C-alpha atoms as a PDB file:
ATOM      1  CA  MET A   1      15.680   9.895  10.041  1.00  0.00           C
ATOM      2  CA  THR A   2      16.907   6.308  10.092  1.00  0.00           C
ATOM      3  CA  LEU A   3      17.035   3.390   7.703  1.00  0.00           C
ATOM      4  CA  ALA A   4      16.728  -0.199   8.864  1.00  0.00           C
ATOM      5  CA  THR A   5      19.095  -2.576   7.064  1.00  0.00           C
ATOM      6  CA  ARG A   6      20.516  -6.062   7.527  1.00  0.00           C
ATOM      7  CA  HIS A   7      24.151  -7.143   7.712  1.00  0.00           C
ATOM      8  CA  GLY A   8      24.230 -10.942   7.733  1.00  0.00           C
ATOM      9  CA  ASP A   9      21.662 -11.854  10.351  1.00  0.00           C
ATOM     10  CA  ASP A  10      21.899  -8.520  12.236  1.00  0.00           C
ATOM     11  CA  LEU A  11      19.548  -5.613  11.792  1.00  0.00           C
ATOM     12  CA  THR A  12      21.079  -2.153  12.130  1.00  0.00           C
ATOM     13  CA  LEU A  13      19.824   1.408  11.732  1.00  0.00           C
ATOM     14  CA  MET A  14      21.684   4.026   9.728  1.00  0.00           C
ATOM     15  CA  ALA A  15      20.881   7.648   8.972  1.00  0.00           C
ATOM     16  CA  ARG A  16      19.029   8.667   5.826  1.00  0.00           C
ATOM     17  CA  PRO A  17      20.331  11.820   4.126  1.00  0.00           C
ATOM     18  CA  PRO A  18      18.059  14.774   5.019  1.00  0.00           C
ATOM     19  CA  LEU A  19      18.175  15.979   1.409  1.00  0.00           C
ATOM     20  CA  THR A  20      16.830  12.617   0.229  1.00  0.00           C
ATOM     21  CA  MET A  21      13.859  12.833   2.562  1.00  0.00           C
ATOM     22  CA  ALA A  22      13.270  16.511   1.721  1.00  0.00           C
ATOM     23  CA  LEU A  23      13.136  15.672  -1.991  1.00  0.00           C
ATOM     24  CA  LYS A  24      10.809  12.763  -1.259  1.00  0.00           C
ATOM     25  CA  ARG A  25       8.447  15.053   0.653  1.00  0.00           C
ATOM     26  CA  ALA A  26       8.599  17.660  -2.138  1.00  0.00           C
ATOM     27  CA  ILE A  27       7.532  15.003  -4.649  1.00  0.00           C
ATOM     28  CA  ASP A  28       4.694  14.016  -2.308  1.00  0.00           C
ATOM     29  CA  ILE A  29       3.401  17.578  -1.938  1.00  0.00           C
ATOM     30  CA  PHE A  30       3.632  18.400  -5.631  1.00  0.00           C
ATOM     31  CA  GLY A  31       2.251  15.046  -6.788  1.00  0.00           C
ATOM     32  CA  ALA A  32      -0.636  14.910  -4.316  1.00  0.00           C
ATOM     33  CA  GLY A  33      -1.564  18.554  -4.809  1.00  0.00           C
ATOM     34  CA  ALA A  34      -1.490  18.333  -8.605  1.00  0.00           C
ATOM     35  CA  GLY A  35      -3.326  15.025  -8.521  1.00  0.00           C
ATOM     36  CA  LEU A  36      -6.160  16.360  -6.364  1.00  0.00           C
ATOM     37  CA  VAL A  37      -6.606  19.378  -8.640  1.00  0.00           C
ATOM     38  CA  LEU A  38      -6.421  17.468 -11.924  1.00  0.00           C
ATOM     39  CA  LEU A  39      -8.576  14.584 -10.707  1.00  0.00           C
ATOM     40  CA  SER A  40     -11.248  16.706  -8.995  1.00  0.00           C
ATOM     41  CA  PRO A  41     -13.743  16.250 -11.885  1.00  0.00           C
ATOM     42  CA  LEU A  42     -13.223  12.465 -11.671  1.00  0.00           C
ATOM     43  CA  PHE A  43     -13.676  12.598  -7.902  1.00  0.00           C
ATOM     44  CA  ALA A  44     -17.021  14.369  -8.396  1.00  0.00           C
ATOM     45  CA  VAL A  45     -18.251  11.798 -10.928  1.00  0.00           C
ATOM     46  CA  VAL A  46     -17.176   8.866  -8.751  1.00  0.00           C
ATOM     47  CA  ALA A  47     -18.866  10.423  -5.707  1.00  0.00           C
ATOM     48  CA  ILE A  48     -22.159  10.814  -7.574  1.00  0.00           C
ATOM     49  CA  ILE A  49     -22.115   7.213  -8.822  1.00  0.00           C
ATOM     50  CA  ILE A  50     -21.277   5.851  -5.360  1.00  0.00           C
ATOM     51  CA  LYS A  51     -24.249   7.681  -3.857  1.00  0.00           C
ATOM     52  CA  ARG A  52     -26.563   6.420  -6.620  1.00  0.00           C
ATOM     53  CA  ASP A  53     -25.245   2.869  -6.446  1.00  0.00           C
ATOM     54  CA  SER A  54     -25.743   2.206  -2.728  1.00  0.00           C
ATOM     55  CA  ARG A  55     -26.584   3.862   0.544  1.00  0.00           C
ATOM     56  CA  GLY A  56     -23.784   5.208   2.656  1.00  0.00           C
ATOM     57  CA  PRO A  57     -20.975   7.788   2.629  1.00  0.00           C
ATOM     58  CA  VAL A  58     -18.779   8.519  -0.365  1.00  0.00           C
ATOM     59  CA  PHE A  59     -15.561   7.897   1.555  1.00  0.00           C
ATOM     60  CA  PHE A  60     -14.454   4.949   3.635  1.00  0.00           C
ATOM     61  CA  ARG A  61     -12.131   5.732   6.540  1.00  0.00           C
ATOM     62  CA  GLN A  62     -10.136   3.067   8.348  1.00  0.00           C
ATOM     63  CA  ARG A  63      -7.567   3.225  11.135  1.00  0.00           C
ATOM     64  CA  ARG A  64      -4.059   2.362   9.962  1.00  0.00           C
ATOM     65  CA  LEU A  65      -0.576   2.665  11.410  1.00  0.00           C
ATOM     66  CA  GLY A  66       1.849   5.226  10.036  1.00  0.00           C
ATOM     67  CA  ARG A  67       5.474   6.094  10.605  1.00  0.00           C
ATOM     68  CA  SER A  68       6.707   5.183  14.099  1.00  0.00           C
ATOM     69  CA  GLY A  69       3.410   3.365  14.688  1.00  0.00           C
ATOM     70  CA  ARG A  70       1.371   6.576  14.820  1.00  0.00           C
ATOM     71  CA  PRO A  71      -2.281   5.814  13.963  1.00  0.00           C
ATOM     72  CA  PHE A  72      -4.158   7.741  11.294  1.00  0.00           C
ATOM     73  CA  TYR A  73      -7.296   7.282   9.222  1.00  0.00           C
ATOM     74  CA  ILE A  74      -6.846   6.320   5.602  1.00  0.00           C
ATOM     75  CA  PHE A  75      -9.256   7.643   2.962  1.00  0.00           C
ATOM     76  CA  LYS A  76     -10.711   5.511   0.185  1.00  0.00           C
ATOM     77  CA  PHE A  77     -13.755   5.722  -2.040  1.00  0.00           C
ATOM     78  CA  ARG A  78     -16.309   3.414  -0.457  1.00  0.00           C
ATOM     79  CA  SER A  79     -16.468   0.177  -2.450  1.00  0.00           C
ATOM     80  CA  MET A  80     -18.471  -1.939   0.023  1.00  0.00           C
ATOM     81  CA  ALA A  81     -21.850  -1.779   1.660  1.00  0.00           C
ATOM     82  CA  ALA A  82     -21.910   0.730   4.504  1.00  0.00           C
ATOM     83  CA  SER A  83     -22.304  -2.122   7.030  1.00  0.00           C
ATOM     84  CA  ALA A  84     -19.276  -4.079   5.726  1.00  0.00           C
ATOM     85  CA  ALA A  85     -16.962  -3.171   8.616  1.00  0.00           C
ATOM     86  CA  ARG A  86     -19.435  -4.651  11.099  1.00  0.00           C
ATOM     87  CA  VAL A  87     -20.072  -7.941   9.310  1.00  0.00           C
ATOM     88  CA  GLY A  88     -16.681  -9.126   8.082  1.00  0.00           C
ATOM     89  CA  ILE A  89     -12.904  -9.178   8.408  1.00  0.00           C
ATOM     90  CA  ALA A  90     -10.458  -6.442   7.432  1.00  0.00           C
ATOM     91  CA  LEU A  91      -9.481  -8.376   4.284  1.00  0.00           C
ATOM     92  CA  THR A  92     -11.373  -8.520   1.000  1.00  0.00           C
ATOM     93  CA  VAL A  93     -11.672 -11.959  -0.594  1.00  0.00           C
ATOM     94  CA  ARG A  94     -12.494 -12.973  -4.133  1.00  0.00           C
ATOM     95  CA  ASP A  95     -16.190 -12.414  -4.945  1.00  0.00           C
ATOM     96  CA  ASP A  96     -16.681 -10.701  -1.580  1.00  0.00           C
ATOM     97  CA  LYS A  97     -20.430 -10.208  -1.137  1.00  0.00           C
ATOM     98  CA  ARG A  98     -19.852  -6.944   0.715  1.00  0.00           C
ATOM     99  CA  VAL A  99     -18.506  -5.238  -2.419  1.00  0.00           C
ATOM    100  CA  THR A 100     -21.064  -3.095  -4.263  1.00  0.00           C
ATOM    101  CA  ARG A 101     -21.586  -3.224  -8.032  1.00  0.00           C
ATOM    102  CA  PHE A 102     -19.717   0.020  -8.658  1.00  0.00           C
ATOM    103  CA  GLY A 103     -17.303  -0.859  -5.878  1.00  0.00           C
ATOM    104  CA  ALA A 104     -16.097  -3.878  -7.863  1.00  0.00           C
ATOM    105  CA  PHE A 105     -15.139  -1.529 -10.695  1.00  0.00           C
ATOM    106  CA  LEU A 106     -13.414   0.876  -8.312  1.00  0.00           C
ATOM    107  CA  ARG A 107     -11.343  -1.900  -6.776  1.00  0.00           C
ATOM    108  CA  ARG A 108     -10.453  -3.473 -10.126  1.00  0.00           C
ATOM    109  CA  THR A 109      -9.213  -0.135 -11.509  1.00  0.00           C
ATOM    110  CA  LYS A 110      -7.718   0.990  -8.151  1.00  0.00           C
ATOM    111  CA  LEU A 111      -9.752   4.201  -8.347  1.00  0.00           C
ATOM    112  CA  ASP A 112     -10.855   3.556  -4.771  1.00  0.00           C
ATOM    113  CA  GLU A 113      -7.286   4.343  -3.656  1.00  0.00           C
ATOM    114  CA  LEU A 114      -7.139   7.865  -5.135  1.00  0.00           C
ATOM    115  CA  PRO A 115      -8.490   9.694  -2.033  1.00  0.00           C
ATOM    116  CA  GLN A 116      -5.268   8.687  -0.279  1.00  0.00           C
ATOM    117  CA  LEU A 117      -3.802  11.718  -2.045  1.00  0.00           C
ATOM    118  CA  ILE A 118      -5.459  13.594   0.830  1.00  0.00           C
ATOM    119  CA  ASN A 119      -3.430  11.521   3.307  1.00  0.00           C
ATOM    120  CA  VAL A 120      -0.256  12.239   1.341  1.00  0.00           C
ATOM    121  CA  LEU A 121      -0.869  15.987   1.287  1.00  0.00           C
ATOM    122  CA  ALA A 122      -1.631  15.919   5.025  1.00  0.00           C
ATOM    123  CA  GLY A 123       1.688  14.193   5.696  1.00  0.00           C
ATOM    124  CA  ASP A 124       0.298  10.896   7.012  1.00  0.00           C
ATOM    125  CA  MET A 125       1.389   9.004   3.912  1.00  0.00           C
ATOM    126  CA  SER A 126       3.821   9.225   1.021  1.00  0.00           C
ATOM    127  CA  LEU A 127       3.195   8.515  -2.645  1.00  0.00           C
ATOM    128  CA  VAL A 128       5.657   5.603  -2.341  1.00  0.00           C
ATOM    129  CA  GLY A 129       6.253   3.432   0.697  1.00  0.00           C
ATOM    130  CA  PRO A 130       5.082   0.246   2.417  1.00  0.00           C
ATOM    131  CA  ARG A 131       1.320  -0.062   2.346  1.00  0.00           C
ATOM    132  CA  PRO A 132      -0.180   0.930   5.733  1.00  0.00           C
ATOM    133  CA  GLU A 133      -1.349  -2.048   7.764  1.00  0.00           C
ATOM    134  CA  VAL A 134      -4.317  -2.258  10.097  1.00  0.00           C
ATOM    135  CA  PRO A 135      -3.288  -2.701  13.768  1.00  0.00           C
ATOM    136  CA  GLU A 136      -4.590  -6.270  13.919  1.00  0.00           C
ATOM    137  CA  PHE A 137      -2.040  -7.423  11.309  1.00  0.00           C
ATOM    138  CA  ILE A 138       1.019  -5.373  12.236  1.00  0.00           C
ATOM    139  CA  LYS A 139       1.295  -7.456  15.400  1.00  0.00           C
ATOM    140  CA  TYR A 140       2.283 -10.503  13.340  1.00  0.00           C
ATOM    141  CA  TYR A 141       5.574  -8.872  12.340  1.00  0.00           C
ATOM    142  CA  THR A 142       8.572  -9.257  14.625  1.00  0.00           C
ATOM    143  CA  PRO A 143       9.879  -6.144  16.424  1.00  0.00           C
ATOM    144  CA  GLU A 144      12.779  -6.014  13.942  1.00  0.00           C
ATOM    145  CA  GLN A 145      10.396  -6.167  10.992  1.00  0.00           C
ATOM    146  CA  ARG A 146       8.189  -3.460  12.475  1.00  0.00           C
ATOM    147  CA  ALA A 147      11.283  -1.275  12.877  1.00  0.00           C
ATOM    148  CA  ILE A 148      11.825  -1.500   9.122  1.00  0.00           C
ATOM    149  CA  ILE A 149       8.200  -1.078   8.056  1.00  0.00           C
ATOM    150  CA  LEU A 150       7.423   1.796  10.430  1.00  0.00           C
ATOM    151  CA  SER A 151      10.695   3.651   9.817  1.00  0.00           C
ATOM    152  CA  VAL A 152       9.130   5.460   6.849  1.00  0.00           C
ATOM    153  CA  LYS A 153       5.715   6.866   6.039  1.00  0.00           C
ATOM    154  CA  PRO A 154       3.367   4.318   4.461  1.00  0.00           C
ATOM    155  CA  GLY A 155       2.705   4.813   0.775  1.00  0.00           C
ATOM    156  CA  MET A 156       0.058   4.581  -1.893  1.00  0.00           C
ATOM    157  CA  THR A 157       2.261   2.245  -3.942  1.00  0.00           C
ATOM    158  CA  ASP A 158       5.537   0.326  -3.780  1.00  0.00           C
ATOM    159  CA  TYR A 159       7.055  -2.912  -5.065  1.00  0.00           C
ATOM    160  CA  ALA A 160       4.606  -5.008  -3.030  1.00  0.00           C
ATOM    161  CA  ALA A 161       1.565  -3.035  -4.204  1.00  0.00           C
ATOM    162  CA  ILE A 162       2.609  -3.640  -7.812  1.00  0.00           C
ATOM    163  CA  HIS A 163       3.269  -7.330  -7.225  1.00  0.00           C
ATOM    164  CA  PHE A 164       0.019  -7.867  -5.302  1.00  0.00           C
ATOM    165  CA  ARG A 165      -2.175  -5.583  -7.398  1.00  0.00           C
ATOM    166  CA  ASP A 166      -4.801  -8.362  -7.481  1.00  0.00           C
ATOM    167  CA  GLU A 167      -4.354  -9.430  -3.885  1.00  0.00           C
ATOM    168  CA  ASN A 168      -8.047 -10.145  -3.268  1.00  0.00           C
ATOM    169  CA  GLU A 169      -7.918 -12.789  -6.021  1.00  0.00           C
ATOM    170  CA  LEU A 170      -5.459 -14.745  -3.863  1.00  0.00           C
ATOM    171  CA  LEU A 171      -7.824 -14.723  -0.908  1.00  0.00           C
ATOM    172  CA  GLU A 172     -10.612 -17.244  -1.462  1.00  0.00           C
ATOM    173  CA  SER A 173     -13.562 -17.728   0.829  1.00  0.00           C
ATOM    174  CA  GLY A 174     -12.871 -21.503   0.841  1.00  0.00           C
ATOM    175  CA  ARG A 175      -9.555 -20.963   2.684  1.00  0.00           C
ATOM    176  CA  ASP A 176      -9.010 -18.966   5.846  1.00  0.00           C
ATOM    177  CA  PRO A 177      -8.087 -15.575   4.321  1.00  0.00           C
ATOM    178  CA  VAL A 178      -6.325 -14.401   7.470  1.00  0.00           C
ATOM    179  CA  GLU A 179      -4.039 -17.439   7.499  1.00  0.00           C
ATOM    180  CA  VAL A 180      -3.339 -17.115   3.769  1.00  0.00           C
ATOM    181  CA  TYR A 181      -2.494 -13.451   4.243  1.00  0.00           C
ATOM    182  CA  ARG A 182      -0.273 -14.133   7.256  1.00  0.00           C
ATOM    183  CA  ARG A 183       1.615 -17.133   5.935  1.00  0.00           C
ATOM    184  CA  GLU A 184       1.766 -16.572   2.165  1.00  0.00           C
ATOM    185  CA  ILE A 185       1.411 -12.850   1.470  1.00  0.00           C
ATOM    186  CA  MET A 186       2.879 -10.992   4.442  1.00  0.00           C
ATOM    187  CA  PRO A 187       6.340 -12.629   4.232  1.00  0.00           C
ATOM    188  CA  ILE A 188       6.687 -11.641   0.575  1.00  0.00           C
ATOM    189  CA  LYS A 189       5.394  -8.145   1.270  1.00  0.00           C
ATOM    190  CA  PHE A 190       7.986  -7.728   3.985  1.00  0.00           C
ATOM    191  CA  ALA A 191      10.783  -8.716   1.602  1.00  0.00           C
ATOM    192  CA  TYR A 192       9.652  -5.962  -0.750  1.00  0.00           C
ATOM    193  CA  TYR A 193       9.384  -3.468   2.122  1.00  0.00           C
ATOM    194  CA  GLU A 194      12.949  -4.326   3.132  1.00  0.00           C
ATOM    195  CA  ARG A 195      14.085  -3.863  -0.445  1.00  0.00           C
ATOM    196  CA  TYR A 196      12.394  -0.477  -0.727  1.00  0.00           C
ATOM    197  CA  ASN A 197      13.997   0.690   2.523  1.00  0.00           C
ATOM    198  CA  ARG A 198      17.408  -0.019   1.017  1.00  0.00           C
ATOM    199  CA  ASP A 199      16.536   1.692  -2.279  1.00  0.00           C
ATOM    200  CA  ILE A 200      14.720   4.730  -0.885  1.00  0.00           C
ATOM    201  CA  GLY A 201      15.296   7.909  -2.882  1.00  0.00           C
ATOM    202  CA  ALA A 202      13.536  10.521  -4.989  1.00  0.00           C
ATOM    203  CA  LEU A 203      14.489   9.007  -8.349  1.00  0.00           C
ATOM    204  CA  ASN A 204      13.399   5.531  -7.288  1.00  0.00           C
ATOM    205  CA  ASP A 205      10.085   6.950  -6.046  1.00  0.00           C
ATOM    206  CA  LEU A 206       9.505   8.587  -9.424  1.00  0.00           C
ATOM    207  CA  ARG A 207      10.292   5.280 -11.155  1.00  0.00           C
ATOM    208  CA  ILE A 208       7.795   3.359  -8.980  1.00  0.00           C
ATOM    209  CA  ILE A 209       5.130   6.051  -9.461  1.00  0.00           C
ATOM    210  CA  LEU A 210       5.573   5.933 -13.247  1.00  0.00           C
ATOM    211  CA  ALA A 211       5.481   2.129 -13.238  1.00  0.00           C
ATOM    212  CA  THR A 212       2.269   2.131 -11.207  1.00  0.00           C
ATOM    213  CA  ILE A 213       0.565   4.644 -13.504  1.00  0.00           C
ATOM    214  CA  LEU A 214       1.583   2.753 -16.653  1.00  0.00           C
ATOM    215  CA  LEU A 215       0.445  -0.539 -15.149  1.00  0.00           C
ATOM    216  CA  LEU A 216      -2.997   0.855 -14.338  1.00  0.00           C
ATOM    217  CA  VAL A 217      -3.452   2.856 -17.544  1.00  0.00           C
ATOM    218  CA  ALA A 218      -1.656   0.729 -20.144  1.00  0.00           C
ATOM    219  CA  GLY A 219      -1.818  -2.664 -18.428  1.00  0.00           C
ATOM    220  CA  GLY A 220       1.934  -3.233 -18.330  1.00  0.00           C
ATOM    221  CA  ILE A 221       5.306  -1.877 -17.243  1.00  0.00           C
ATOM    222  CA  PRO A 222       8.080  -1.187 -19.797  1.00  0.00           C
ATOM    223  CA  ARG A 223      11.171  -3.294 -19.244  1.00  0.00           C
ATOM    224  CA  TRP A 224      13.416  -0.228 -19.361  1.00  0.00           C
ATOM    225  CA  LEU A 225      12.031   0.890 -15.995  1.00  0.00           C
ATOM    226  CA  GLY A 226      13.643  -2.154 -14.389  1.00  0.00           C
ATOM    227  CA  ILE A 227      10.737  -2.789 -12.027  1.00  0.00           C
ATOM    228  CA  GLU A 228      10.370  -6.391 -13.205  1.00  0.00           C
ATOM    229  CA  HIS A 229      13.962  -7.004 -12.143  1.00  0.00           C
ATOM    230  CA  GLU A 230      13.302  -5.460  -8.730  1.00  0.00           C
ATOM    231  CA  LEU A 231      10.270  -7.685  -8.221  1.00  0.00           C
ATOM    232  CA  GLN A 232      12.319 -10.770  -9.032  1.00  0.00           C
ATOM    233  CA  ALA A 233      15.315  -9.643  -6.980  1.00  0.00           C
ATOM    234  CA  ALA A 234      13.554  -8.754  -3.711  1.00  0.00           C
ATOM    235  CA  PRO A 235      15.988  -9.569  -0.914  1.00  0.00           C
ATOM    236  CA  SER A 236      15.840 -13.138   0.301  1.00  0.00           C
ATOM    237  CA  LEU A 237      12.201 -13.925  -0.369  1.00  0.00           C
ATOM    238  CA  GLN A 238      12.749 -17.498   0.703  1.00  0.00           C
ATOM    239  CA  ARG A 239      14.498 -16.385   3.879  1.00  0.00           C
ATOM    240  CA  SER A 240      11.615 -14.047   4.682  1.00  0.00           C
ATOM    241  CA  GLU A 241       9.160 -16.893   4.358  1.00  0.00           C
ATOM    242  CA  THR A 242      11.067 -19.100   6.786  1.00  0.00           C
ATOM    243  CA  GLN A 243      12.858 -16.751   9.217  1.00  0.00           C
ATOM    244  CA  THR A 244      10.337 -14.005   9.941  1.00  0.00           C
ATOM    245  CA  GLY A 245       7.509 -13.770  12.416  1.00  0.00           C
ATOM    246  CA  PHE A 246       4.836 -15.680  10.587  1.00  0.00           C
ATOM    247  CA  PRO A 247       4.439 -19.000  12.429  1.00  0.00           C
END
């Protein structure tokens, strides 16, 4: 297992302690397994409402890239019309007409992301890690950036997911959402991914998981968790905006 880091302007790879990664996987298995059991009644209720709200399957599956660039299919509760993948882009913009009535609630509360616990239990994802990109966007990263992003399993949450929890609000139909995502969002996301790669560890994962849960349930993150500091101290945000592969 390797960790991509920077020294000055050079990117190097160094080994991650096996115990660190074993503890991380143990947290994933326990957390995803417990979550699927405890949330199974909620899953059933959500599934029933989705079927009553609009035609189509309960789950939405989309091809994403995992560790080392290995493709897998991510699970989400379907929040759009069944034909959405054929009539639009892979990004969701503000007031996207493809989103169903109940789907808007699922996306606002992030309940649509819960089925990714299946991906975590299967080993395709981790509870914490860079969010998995679709193949059409990963190509915009430089080879060095991809080495960092794809050096770990993608996650359900991380610094970037917390920072961009309302990402679709930044993507307006009046501006090209792909260009906004490429030029304004992806560079900042990468800075957070780089930061997480340097901070990877079981205790930090638990801290990010707790922060995510409190943010979604209570609407805020306690200062004692230190997440606000991490979001402000992401490595070289300005450098990432000007020196990475986002022309």
